[in-house]
Amino acid sequence: IGVNSTLGYEVLARNKNRVVLFDSRGKYCGIPFDTFGFPLEIGSAGPFWTNEVTENEFKRLMSGLIDSSDEQWIEFTDPIVKKLVFFDNNNSLLREVIK
């Protein structure tokens, strides 16, 4: 469970654990475009994220986190994660650039 952050995105990219993200900085700190998934145009809430920090949203996300099977979790995270982040094992792409 975390806020919209690079650490949360890294966990998503590695697909090692389940993570849900709450994004409050955009709304509560007045940072424009600071919402989950930016620059993708996705909804303000989904199966593992929300841009609204409320008790109902917390309960909804925790229910999905706890009640979904591993297969269901991958099914609803993969379409977003594959468009949003990429896990480059051993930083092979970076190594090519800095040679």
PDB file of N, CA and C in Angstrom:
ATOM      1  N   ILE A   1       0.864  -1.165   0.000  1.00  0.00           N
ATOM      2  CA  ILE A   1       0.000   0.000   0.000  1.00  0.00           C
ATOM      3  C   ILE A   1       0.903   1.218   0.000  1.00  0.00           C
ATOM      4  N   GLY A   2       0.665   2.136  -0.892  1.00  0.00           N
ATOM      5  CA  GLY A   2       1.507   3.318  -0.934  1.00  0.00           C
ATOM      6  C   GLY A   2       0.850   4.457  -1.671  1.00  0.00           C
ATOM      7  N   VAL A   3       1.579   5.554  -1.692  1.00  0.00           N
ATOM      8  CA  VAL A   3       1.142   6.694  -2.481  1.00  0.00           C
ATOM      9  C   VAL A   3       1.710   6.521  -3.886  1.00  0.00           C
ATOM     10  N   ASN A   4       1.222   7.306  -4.790  1.00  0.00           N
ATOM     11  CA  ASN A   4       1.726   7.311  -6.154  1.00  0.00           C
ATOM     12  C   ASN A   4       3.194   7.722  -6.105  1.00  0.00           C
ATOM     13  N   SER A   5       4.089   6.764  -6.346  1.00  0.00           N
ATOM     14  CA  SER A   5       5.514   7.049  -6.204  1.00  0.00           C
ATOM     15  C   SER A   5       6.320   6.144  -7.122  1.00  0.00           C
ATOM     16  N   THR A   6       7.585   6.478  -7.298  1.00  0.00           N
ATOM     17  CA  THR A   6       8.439   5.637  -8.126  1.00  0.00           C
ATOM     18  C   THR A   6       8.599   4.258  -7.495  1.00  0.00           C
ATOM     19  N   LEU A   7       8.620   4.172  -6.182  1.00  0.00           N
ATOM     20  CA  LEU A   7       8.730   2.871  -5.527  1.00  0.00           C
ATOM     21  C   LEU A   7       7.501   2.011  -5.838  1.00  0.00           C
ATOM     22  N   GLY A   8       6.325   2.603  -5.784  1.00  0.00           N
ATOM     23  CA  GLY A   8       5.112   1.871  -6.122  1.00  0.00           C
ATOM     24  C   GLY A   8       5.117   1.386  -7.564  1.00  0.00           C
ATOM     25  N   TYR A   9       5.582   2.243  -8.466  1.00  0.00           N
ATOM     26  CA  TYR A   9       5.670   1.864  -9.876  1.00  0.00           C
ATOM     27  C   TYR A   9       6.682   0.734 -10.069  1.00  0.00           C
ATOM     28  N   GLU A  10       7.771   0.770  -9.331  1.00  0.00           N
ATOM     29  CA  GLU A  10       8.777  -0.291  -9.448  1.00  0.00           C
ATOM     30  C   GLU A  10       8.204  -1.626  -8.991  1.00  0.00           C
ATOM     31  N   VAL A  11       7.449  -1.616  -7.912  1.00  0.00           N
ATOM     32  CA  VAL A  11       6.815  -2.857  -7.447  1.00  0.00           C
ATOM     33  C   VAL A  11       5.864  -3.376  -8.522  1.00  0.00           C
ATOM     34  N   LEU A  12       5.107  -2.473  -9.135  1.00  0.00           N
ATOM     35  CA  LEU A  12       4.212  -2.885 -10.218  1.00  0.00           C
ATOM     36  C   LEU A  12       5.001  -3.503 -11.370  1.00  0.00           C
ATOM     37  N   ALA A  13       6.084  -2.868 -11.764  1.00  0.00           N
ATOM     38  CA  ALA A  13       6.871  -3.351 -12.899  1.00  0.00           C
ATOM     39  C   ALA A  13       7.464  -4.724 -12.631  1.00  0.00           C
ATOM     40  N   ARG A  14       7.889  -4.953 -11.416  1.00  0.00           N
ATOM     41  CA  ARG A  14       8.505  -6.241 -11.074  1.00  0.00           C
ATOM     42  C   ARG A  14       7.463  -7.342 -10.907  1.00  0.00           C
ATOM     43  N   ASN A  15       6.214  -6.952 -10.707  1.00  0.00           N
ATOM     44  CA  ASN A  15       5.115  -7.899 -10.536  1.00  0.00           C
ATOM     45  C   ASN A  15       5.441  -8.954  -9.479  1.00  0.00           C
ATOM     46  N   LYS A  16       6.138  -8.534  -8.434  1.00  0.00           N
ATOM     47  CA  LYS A  16       6.526  -9.446  -7.362  1.00  0.00           C
ATOM     48  C   LYS A  16       5.462  -9.520  -6.272  1.00  0.00           C
ATOM     49  N   ASN A  17       4.868  -8.405  -5.982  1.00  0.00           N
ATOM     50  CA  ASN A  17       3.873  -8.319  -4.921  1.00  0.00           C
ATOM     51  C   ASN A  17       2.702  -7.498  -5.414  1.00  0.00           C
ATOM     52  N   ARG A  18       1.658  -7.587  -4.687  1.00  0.00           N
ATOM     53  CA  ARG A  18       0.508  -6.760  -4.998  1.00  0.00           C
ATOM     54  C   ARG A  18       0.714  -5.387  -4.376  1.00  0.00           C
ATOM     55  N   VAL A  19       0.285  -4.366  -5.070  1.00  0.00           N
ATOM     56  CA  VAL A  19       0.409  -3.014  -4.549  1.00  0.00           C
ATOM     57  C   VAL A  19      -0.830  -2.228  -4.946  1.00  0.00           C
ATOM     58  N   VAL A  20      -1.315  -1.430  -4.029  1.00  0.00           N
ATOM     59  CA  VAL A  20      -2.370  -0.484  -4.351  1.00  0.00           C
ATOM     60  C   VAL A  20      -1.824   0.902  -4.073  1.00  0.00           C
ATOM     61  N   LEU A  21      -2.209   1.837  -4.925  1.00  0.00           N
ATOM     62  CA  LEU A  21      -1.662   3.182  -4.834  1.00  0.00           C
ATOM     63  C   LEU A  21      -2.770   4.203  -4.608  1.00  0.00           C
ATOM     64  N   PHE A  22      -2.524   5.057  -3.654  1.00  0.00           N
ATOM     65  CA  PHE A  22      -3.401   6.176  -3.363  1.00  0.00           C
ATOM     66  C   PHE A  22      -2.678   7.433  -3.796  1.00  0.00           C
ATOM     67  N   ASP A  23      -3.284   8.202  -4.660  1.00  0.00           N
ATOM     68  CA  ASP A  23      -2.646   9.430  -5.093  1.00  0.00           C
ATOM     69  C   ASP A  23      -3.371  10.606  -4.477  1.00  0.00           C
ATOM     70  N   SER A  24      -2.700  11.274  -3.592  1.00  0.00           N
ATOM     71  CA  SER A  24      -3.305  12.424  -2.932  1.00  0.00           C
ATOM     72  C   SER A  24      -2.553  13.710  -3.219  1.00  0.00           C
ATOM     73  N   ARG A  25      -1.345  13.612  -3.759  1.00  0.00           N
ATOM     74  CA  ARG A  25      -0.549  14.822  -3.956  1.00  0.00           C
ATOM     75  C   ARG A  25      -1.165  15.772  -4.961  1.00  0.00           C
ATOM     76  N   GLY A  26      -1.696  15.238  -6.054  1.00  0.00           N
ATOM     77  CA  GLY A  26      -2.291  16.105  -7.064  1.00  0.00           C
ATOM     78  C   GLY A  26      -3.418  16.951  -6.501  1.00  0.00           C
ATOM     79  N   LYS A  27      -4.296  16.301  -5.780  1.00  0.00           N
ATOM     80  CA  LYS A  27      -5.468  16.990  -5.243  1.00  0.00           C
ATOM     81  C   LYS A  27      -5.128  17.836  -4.023  1.00  0.00           C
ATOM     82  N   TYR A  28      -4.414  17.273  -3.081  1.00  0.00           N
ATOM     83  CA  TYR A  28      -4.215  17.943  -1.804  1.00  0.00           C
ATOM     84  C   TYR A  28      -3.003  18.864  -1.759  1.00  0.00           C
ATOM     85  N   CYS A  29      -2.072  18.691  -2.678  1.00  0.00           N
ATOM     86  CA  CYS A  29      -0.894  19.564  -2.708  1.00  0.00           C
ATOM     87  C   CYS A  29      -0.917  20.511  -3.904  1.00  0.00           C
ATOM     88  N   GLY A  30      -1.944  20.405  -4.725  1.00  0.00           N
ATOM     89  CA  GLY A  30      -2.077  21.305  -5.859  1.00  0.00           C
ATOM     90  C   GLY A  30      -1.043  21.076  -6.950  1.00  0.00           C
ATOM     91  N   ILE A  31      -0.589  19.845  -7.109  1.00  0.00           N
ATOM     92  CA  ILE A  31       0.390  19.537  -8.142  1.00  0.00           C
ATOM     93  C   ILE A  31      -0.379  19.064  -9.379  1.00  0.00           C
ATOM     94  N   PRO A  32      -0.386  19.866 -10.430  1.00  0.00           N
ATOM     95  CA  PRO A  32      -1.163  19.475 -11.612  1.00  0.00           C
ATOM     96  C   PRO A  32      -0.601  18.209 -12.254  1.00  0.00           C
ATOM     97  N   PHE A  33      -1.473  17.413 -12.785  1.00  0.00           N
ATOM     98  CA  PHE A  33      -1.136  16.190 -13.505  1.00  0.00           C
ATOM     99  C   PHE A  33      -0.473  15.135 -12.627  1.00  0.00           C
ATOM    100  N   ASP A  34      -0.498  15.283 -11.328  1.00  0.00           N
ATOM    101  CA  ASP A  34       0.085  14.263 -10.460  1.00  0.00           C
ATOM    102  C   ASP A  34      -1.003  13.282 -10.058  1.00  0.00           C
ATOM    103  N   THR A  35      -1.332  12.416 -10.990  1.00  0.00           N
ATOM    104  CA  THR A  35      -2.327  11.382 -10.754  1.00  0.00           C
ATOM    105  C   THR A  35      -1.740  10.053 -11.185  1.00  0.00           C
ATOM    106  N   PHE A  36      -2.285   8.980 -10.689  1.00  0.00           N
ATOM    107  CA  PHE A  36      -1.767   7.675 -11.058  1.00  0.00           C
ATOM    108  C   PHE A  36      -1.863   7.487 -12.570  1.00  0.00           C
ATOM    109  N   GLY A  37      -0.784   6.984 -13.139  1.00  0.00           N
ATOM    110  CA  GLY A  37      -0.782   6.637 -14.545  1.00  0.00           C
ATOM    111  C   GLY A  37      -0.411   7.738 -15.506  1.00  0.00           C
ATOM    112  N   PHE A  38      -0.218   8.967 -15.013  1.00  0.00           N
ATOM    113  CA  PHE A  38       0.136  10.052 -15.918  1.00  0.00           C
ATOM    114  C   PHE A  38       1.419   9.694 -16.640  1.00  0.00           C
ATOM    115  N   PRO A  39       1.504   9.829 -17.916  1.00  0.00           N
ATOM    116  CA  PRO A  39       0.644  10.575 -18.838  1.00  0.00           C
ATOM    117  C   PRO A  39      -0.450   9.749 -19.500  1.00  0.00           C
ATOM    118  N   LEU A  40      -0.629   8.492 -19.113  1.00  0.00           N
ATOM    119  CA  LEU A  40      -1.750   7.730 -19.665  1.00  0.00           C
ATOM    120  C   LEU A  40      -3.052   8.405 -19.287  1.00  0.00           C
ATOM    121  N   GLU A  41      -4.014   8.287 -20.137  1.00  0.00           N
ATOM    122  CA  GLU A  41      -5.335   8.819 -19.820  1.00  0.00           C
ATOM    123  C   GLU A  41      -6.202   7.666 -19.337  1.00  0.00           C
ATOM    124  N   ILE A  42      -6.167   7.473 -18.026  1.00  0.00           N
ATOM    125  CA  ILE A  42      -6.964   6.413 -17.414  1.00  0.00           C
ATOM    126  C   ILE A  42      -7.871   7.056 -16.372  1.00  0.00           C
ATOM    127  N   GLY A  43      -8.811   6.315 -15.901  1.00  0.00           N
ATOM    128  CA  GLY A  43      -9.760   6.853 -14.938  1.00  0.00           C
ATOM    129  C   GLY A  43      -9.118   7.225 -13.616  1.00  0.00           C
ATOM    130  N   SER A  44      -9.854   7.952 -12.828  1.00  0.00           N
ATOM    131  CA  SER A  44      -9.332   8.391 -11.531  1.00  0.00           C
ATOM    132  C   SER A  44      -9.319   7.265 -10.499  1.00  0.00           C
ATOM    133  N   ALA A  45      -9.938   6.138 -10.835  1.00  0.00           N
ATOM    134  CA  ALA A  45      -9.923   4.984  -9.941  1.00  0.00           C
ATOM    135  C   ALA A  45      -9.955   3.719 -10.777  1.00  0.00           C
ATOM    136  N   GLY A  46      -9.289   2.703 -10.281  1.00  0.00           N
ATOM    137  CA  GLY A  46      -9.262   1.414 -10.966  1.00  0.00           C
ATOM    138  C   GLY A  46      -9.081   0.309  -9.958  1.00  0.00           C
ATOM    139  N   PRO A  47      -8.807  -0.895 -10.412  1.00  0.00           N
ATOM    140  CA  PRO A  47      -8.751  -2.028  -9.498  1.00  0.00           C
ATOM    141  C   PRO A  47      -7.630  -1.965  -8.465  1.00  0.00           C
ATOM    142  N   PHE A  48      -6.581  -1.180  -8.735  1.00  0.00           N
ATOM    143  CA  PHE A  48      -5.476  -1.105  -7.777  1.00  0.00           C
ATOM    144  C   PHE A  48      -4.999   0.314  -7.530  1.00  0.00           C
ATOM    145  N   TRP A  49      -5.760   1.294  -7.915  1.00  0.00           N
ATOM    146  CA  TRP A  49      -5.386   2.681  -7.657  1.00  0.00           C
ATOM    147  C   TRP A  49      -6.615   3.550  -7.475  1.00  0.00           C
ATOM    148  N   THR A  50      -6.383   4.696  -6.868  1.00  0.00           N
ATOM    149  CA  THR A  50      -7.421   5.709  -6.744  1.00  0.00           C
ATOM    150  C   THR A  50      -6.762   7.068  -6.576  1.00  0.00           C
ATOM    151  N   ASN A  51      -7.428   8.082  -7.062  1.00  0.00           N
ATOM    152  CA  ASN A  51      -6.983   9.457  -6.852  1.00  0.00           C
ATOM    153  C   ASN A  51      -7.820  10.131  -5.773  1.00  0.00           C
ATOM    154  N   GLU A  52      -8.700   9.373  -5.161  1.00  0.00           N
ATOM    155  CA  GLU A  52      -9.542   9.880  -4.073  1.00  0.00           C
ATOM    156  C   GLU A  52      -9.208   9.122  -2.792  1.00  0.00           C
ATOM    157  N   VAL A  53      -8.803   9.825  -1.795  1.00  0.00           N
ATOM    158  CA  VAL A  53      -8.463   9.195  -0.527  1.00  0.00           C
ATOM    159  C   VAL A  53      -9.675   9.310   0.398  1.00  0.00           C
ATOM    160  N   THR A  54     -10.485   8.253   0.382  1.00  0.00           N
ATOM    161  CA  THR A  54     -11.680   8.199   1.221  1.00  0.00           C
ATOM    162  C   THR A  54     -11.749   6.817   1.868  1.00  0.00           C
ATOM    163  N   GLU A  55     -12.548   6.706   2.873  1.00  0.00           N
ATOM    164  CA  GLU A  55     -12.711   5.422   3.541  1.00  0.00           C
ATOM    165  C   GLU A  55     -13.294   4.379   2.593  1.00  0.00           C
ATOM    166  N   ASN A  56     -14.272   4.783   1.784  1.00  0.00           N
ATOM    167  CA  ASN A  56     -14.880   3.837   0.841  1.00  0.00           C
ATOM    168  C   ASN A  56     -13.871   3.344  -0.191  1.00  0.00           C
ATOM    169  N   GLU A  57     -13.038   4.234  -0.694  1.00  0.00           N
ATOM    170  CA  GLU A  57     -12.016   3.831  -1.659  1.00  0.00           C
ATOM    171  C   GLU A  57     -10.990   2.906  -1.006  1.00  0.00           C
ATOM    172  N   PHE A  58     -10.623   3.200   0.216  1.00  0.00           N
ATOM    173  CA  PHE A  58      -9.701   2.335   0.936  1.00  0.00           C
ATOM    174  C   PHE A  58     -10.280   0.931   1.063  1.00  0.00           C
ATOM    175  N   LYS A  59     -11.527   0.834   1.477  1.00  0.00           N
ATOM    176  CA  LYS A  59     -12.182  -0.470   1.631  1.00  0.00           C
ATOM    177  C   LYS A  59     -12.273  -1.197   0.299  1.00  0.00           C
ATOM    178  N   ARG A  60     -12.598  -0.468  -0.766  1.00  0.00           N
ATOM    179  CA  ARG A  60     -12.712  -1.081  -2.092  1.00  0.00           C
ATOM    180  C   ARG A  60     -11.369  -1.670  -2.535  1.00  0.00           C
ATOM    181  N   LEU A  61     -10.306  -0.892  -2.392  1.00  0.00           N
ATOM    182  CA  LEU A  61      -8.992  -1.361  -2.819  1.00  0.00           C
ATOM    183  C   LEU A  61      -8.486  -2.511  -1.950  1.00  0.00           C
ATOM    184  N   MET A  62      -8.721  -2.443  -0.664  1.00  0.00           N
ATOM    185  CA  MET A  62      -8.282  -3.527   0.216  1.00  0.00           C
ATOM    186  C   MET A  62      -9.038  -4.811  -0.094  1.00  0.00           C
ATOM    187  N   SER A  63     -10.302  -4.695  -0.419  1.00  0.00           N
ATOM    188  CA  SER A  63     -11.088  -5.868  -0.783  1.00  0.00           C
ATOM    189  C   SER A  63     -10.507  -6.527  -2.034  1.00  0.00           C
ATOM    190  N   GLY A  64     -10.190  -5.729  -3.041  1.00  0.00           N
ATOM    191  CA  GLY A  64      -9.587  -6.276  -4.258  1.00  0.00           C
ATOM    192  C   GLY A  64      -8.227  -6.876  -3.996  1.00  0.00           C
ATOM    193  N   LEU A  65      -7.463  -6.240  -3.147  1.00  0.00           N
ATOM    194  CA  LEU A  65      -6.123  -6.703  -2.812  1.00  0.00           C
ATOM    195  C   LEU A  65      -6.168  -8.066  -2.121  1.00  0.00           C
ATOM    196  N   ILE A  66      -7.099  -8.219  -1.205  1.00  0.00           N
ATOM    197  CA  ILE A  66      -7.189  -9.427  -0.389  1.00  0.00           C
ATOM    198  C   ILE A  66      -7.980 -10.536  -1.071  1.00  0.00           C
ATOM    199  N   ASP A  67      -9.078 -10.173  -1.730  1.00  0.00           N
ATOM    200  CA  ASP A  67     -10.009 -11.181  -2.228  1.00  0.00           C
ATOM    201  C   ASP A  67      -9.708 -11.726  -3.615  1.00  0.00           C
ATOM    202  N   SER A  68      -8.907 -11.036  -4.403  1.00  0.00           N
ATOM    203  CA  SER A  68      -8.665 -11.520  -5.769  1.00  0.00           C
ATOM    204  C   SER A  68      -7.576 -12.592  -5.780  1.00  0.00           C
ATOM    205  N   SER A  69      -7.717 -13.518  -6.706  1.00  0.00           N
ATOM    206  CA  SER A  69      -6.707 -14.558  -6.872  1.00  0.00           C
ATOM    207  C   SER A  69      -5.491 -13.951  -7.575  1.00  0.00           C
ATOM    208  N   ASP A  70      -4.385 -14.674  -7.587  1.00  0.00           N
ATOM    209  CA  ASP A  70      -3.198 -14.204  -8.292  1.00  0.00           C
ATOM    210  C   ASP A  70      -3.488 -14.011  -9.775  1.00  0.00           C
ATOM    211  N   GLU A  71      -4.262 -14.917 -10.350  1.00  0.00           N
ATOM    212  CA  GLU A  71      -4.611 -14.816 -11.766  1.00  0.00           C
ATOM    213  C   GLU A  71      -5.465 -13.584 -12.029  1.00  0.00           C
ATOM    214  N   GLN A  72      -6.443 -13.328 -11.166  1.00  0.00           N
ATOM    215  CA  GLN A  72      -7.279 -12.136 -11.325  1.00  0.00           C
ATOM    216  C   GLN A  72      -6.446 -10.870 -11.185  1.00  0.00           C
ATOM    217  N   TRP A  73      -5.539 -10.873 -10.220  1.00  0.00           N
ATOM    218  CA  TRP A  73      -4.694  -9.699  -9.992  1.00  0.00           C
ATOM    219  C   TRP A  73      -3.890  -9.373 -11.249  1.00  0.00           C
ATOM    220  N   ILE A  74      -3.266 -10.372 -11.831  1.00  0.00           N
ATOM    221  CA  ILE A  74      -2.474 -10.158 -13.044  1.00  0.00           C
ATOM    222  C   ILE A  74      -3.371  -9.712 -14.199  1.00  0.00           C
ATOM    223  N   GLU A  75      -4.560 -10.288 -14.269  1.00  0.00           N
ATOM    224  CA  GLU A  75      -5.493  -9.937 -15.339  1.00  0.00           C
ATOM    225  C   GLU A  75      -5.869  -8.461 -15.315  1.00  0.00           C
ATOM    226  N   PHE A  76      -6.079  -7.889 -14.140  1.00  0.00           N
ATOM    227  CA  PHE A  76      -6.470  -6.480 -14.143  1.00  0.00           C
ATOM    228  C   PHE A  76      -5.312  -5.517 -13.957  1.00  0.00           C
ATOM    229  N   THR A  77      -4.125  -5.978 -13.606  1.00  0.00           N
ATOM    230  CA  THR A  77      -2.983  -5.063 -13.527  1.00  0.00           C
ATOM    231  C   THR A  77      -2.193  -5.016 -14.830  1.00  0.00           C
ATOM    232  N   ASP A  78      -2.029  -6.147 -15.489  1.00  0.00           N
ATOM    233  CA  ASP A  78      -1.175  -6.200 -16.691  1.00  0.00           C
ATOM    234  C   ASP A  78      -1.506  -5.170 -17.772  1.00  0.00           C
ATOM    235  N   PRO A  79      -2.771  -4.988 -18.150  1.00  0.00           N
ATOM    236  CA  PRO A  79      -3.039  -4.029 -19.224  1.00  0.00           C
ATOM    237  C   PRO A  79      -2.535  -2.605 -18.920  1.00  0.00           C
ATOM    238  N   ILE A  80      -2.619  -2.194 -17.673  1.00  0.00           N
ATOM    239  CA  ILE A  80      -2.153  -0.855 -17.298  1.00  0.00           C
ATOM    240  C   ILE A  80      -0.643  -0.862 -17.119  1.00  0.00           C
ATOM    241  N   VAL A  81      -0.132  -1.832 -16.396  1.00  0.00           N
ATOM    242  CA  VAL A  81       1.295  -1.872 -16.069  1.00  0.00           C
ATOM    243  C   VAL A  81       2.143  -1.943 -17.340  1.00  0.00           C
ATOM    244  N   LYS A  82       1.732  -2.745 -18.302  1.00  0.00           N
ATOM    245  CA  LYS A  82       2.516  -2.891 -19.527  1.00  0.00           C
ATOM    246  C   LYS A  82       2.584  -1.601 -20.336  1.00  0.00           C
ATOM    247  N   LYS A  83       1.610  -0.732 -20.195  1.00  0.00           N
ATOM    248  CA  LYS A  83       1.632   0.559 -20.880  1.00  0.00           C
ATOM    249  C   LYS A  83       2.396   1.613 -20.083  1.00  0.00           C
ATOM    250  N   LEU A  84       2.545   1.386 -18.809  1.00  0.00           N
ATOM    251  CA  LEU A  84       3.029   2.420 -17.910  1.00  0.00           C
ATOM    252  C   LEU A  84       4.492   2.270 -17.516  1.00  0.00           C
ATOM    253  N   VAL A  85       4.921   1.064 -17.205  1.00  0.00           N
ATOM    254  CA  VAL A  85       6.282   0.848 -16.702  1.00  0.00           C
ATOM    255  C   VAL A  85       6.878  -0.388 -17.353  1.00  0.00           C
ATOM    256  N   PHE A  86       8.192  -0.468 -17.274  1.00  0.00           N
ATOM    257  CA  PHE A  86       8.909  -1.592 -17.864  1.00  0.00           C
ATOM    258  C   PHE A  86      10.030  -1.976 -16.916  1.00  0.00           C
ATOM    259  N   PHE A  87      10.130  -3.250 -16.609  1.00  0.00           N
ATOM    260  CA  PHE A  87      11.211  -3.734 -15.758  1.00  0.00           C
ATOM    261  C   PHE A  87      12.324  -4.261 -16.636  1.00  0.00           C
ATOM    262  N   ASP A  88      13.452  -3.620 -16.583  1.00  0.00           N
ATOM    263  CA  ASP A  88      14.622  -3.991 -17.375  1.00  0.00           C
ATOM    264  C   ASP A  88      15.624  -4.674 -16.453  1.00  0.00           C
ATOM    265  N   ASN A  89      15.539  -5.994 -16.406  1.00  0.00           N
ATOM    266  CA  ASN A  89      16.424  -6.750 -15.537  1.00  0.00           C
ATOM    267  C   ASN A  89      17.886  -6.452 -15.876  1.00  0.00           C
ATOM    268  N   ASN A  90      18.688  -6.186 -14.870  1.00  0.00           N
ATOM    269  CA  ASN A  90      20.107  -5.858 -15.012  1.00  0.00           C
ATOM    270  C   ASN A  90      20.363  -4.542 -15.742  1.00  0.00           C
ATOM    271  N   ASN A  91      19.348  -3.727 -15.922  1.00  0.00           N
ATOM    272  CA  ASN A  91      19.499  -2.424 -16.580  1.00  0.00           C
ATOM    273  C   ASN A  91      20.182  -2.537 -17.941  1.00  0.00           C
ATOM    274  N   SER A  92      19.814  -3.521 -18.724  1.00  0.00           N
ATOM    275  CA  SER A  92      20.473  -3.747 -20.010  1.00  0.00           C
ATOM    276  C   SER A  92      20.309  -2.565 -20.966  1.00  0.00           C
ATOM    277  N   LEU A  93      19.141  -1.924 -20.962  1.00  0.00           N
ATOM    278  CA  LEU A  93      18.953  -0.771 -21.838  1.00  0.00           C
ATOM    279  C   LEU A  93      19.853   0.396 -21.439  1.00  0.00           C
ATOM    280  N   LEU A  94      19.949   0.669 -20.161  1.00  0.00           N
ATOM    281  CA  LEU A  94      20.819   1.734 -19.680  1.00  0.00           C
ATOM    282  C   LEU A  94      22.275   1.422 -19.972  1.00  0.00           C
ATOM    283  N   ARG A  95      22.667   0.188 -19.786  1.00  0.00           N
ATOM    284  CA  ARG A  95      24.057  -0.204 -20.053  1.00  0.00           C
ATOM    285  C   ARG A  95      24.437   0.033 -21.501  1.00  0.00           C
ATOM    286  N   GLU A  96      23.505  -0.186 -22.415  1.00  0.00           N
ATOM    287  CA  GLU A  96      23.777   0.059 -23.841  1.00  0.00           C
ATOM    288  C   GLU A  96      24.004   1.553 -24.097  1.00  0.00           C
ATOM    289  N   VAL A  97      23.258   2.396 -23.433  1.00  0.00           N
ATOM    290  CA  VAL A  97      23.368   3.843 -23.631  1.00  0.00           C
ATOM    291  C   VAL A  97      24.669   4.391 -23.082  1.00  0.00           C
ATOM    292  N   ILE A  98      25.133   3.885 -21.947  1.00  0.00           N
ATOM    293  CA  ILE A  98      26.323   4.461 -21.303  1.00  0.00           C
ATOM    294  C   ILE A  98      27.628   3.782 -21.700  1.00  0.00           C
ATOM    295  N   LYS A  99      27.609   2.893 -22.657  1.00  0.00           N
ATOM    296  CA  LYS A  99      28.856   2.240 -23.106  1.00  0.00           C
ATOM    297  C   LYS A  99      29.833   3.252 -23.654  1.00  0.00           C
TER     298      LYS A  99
END
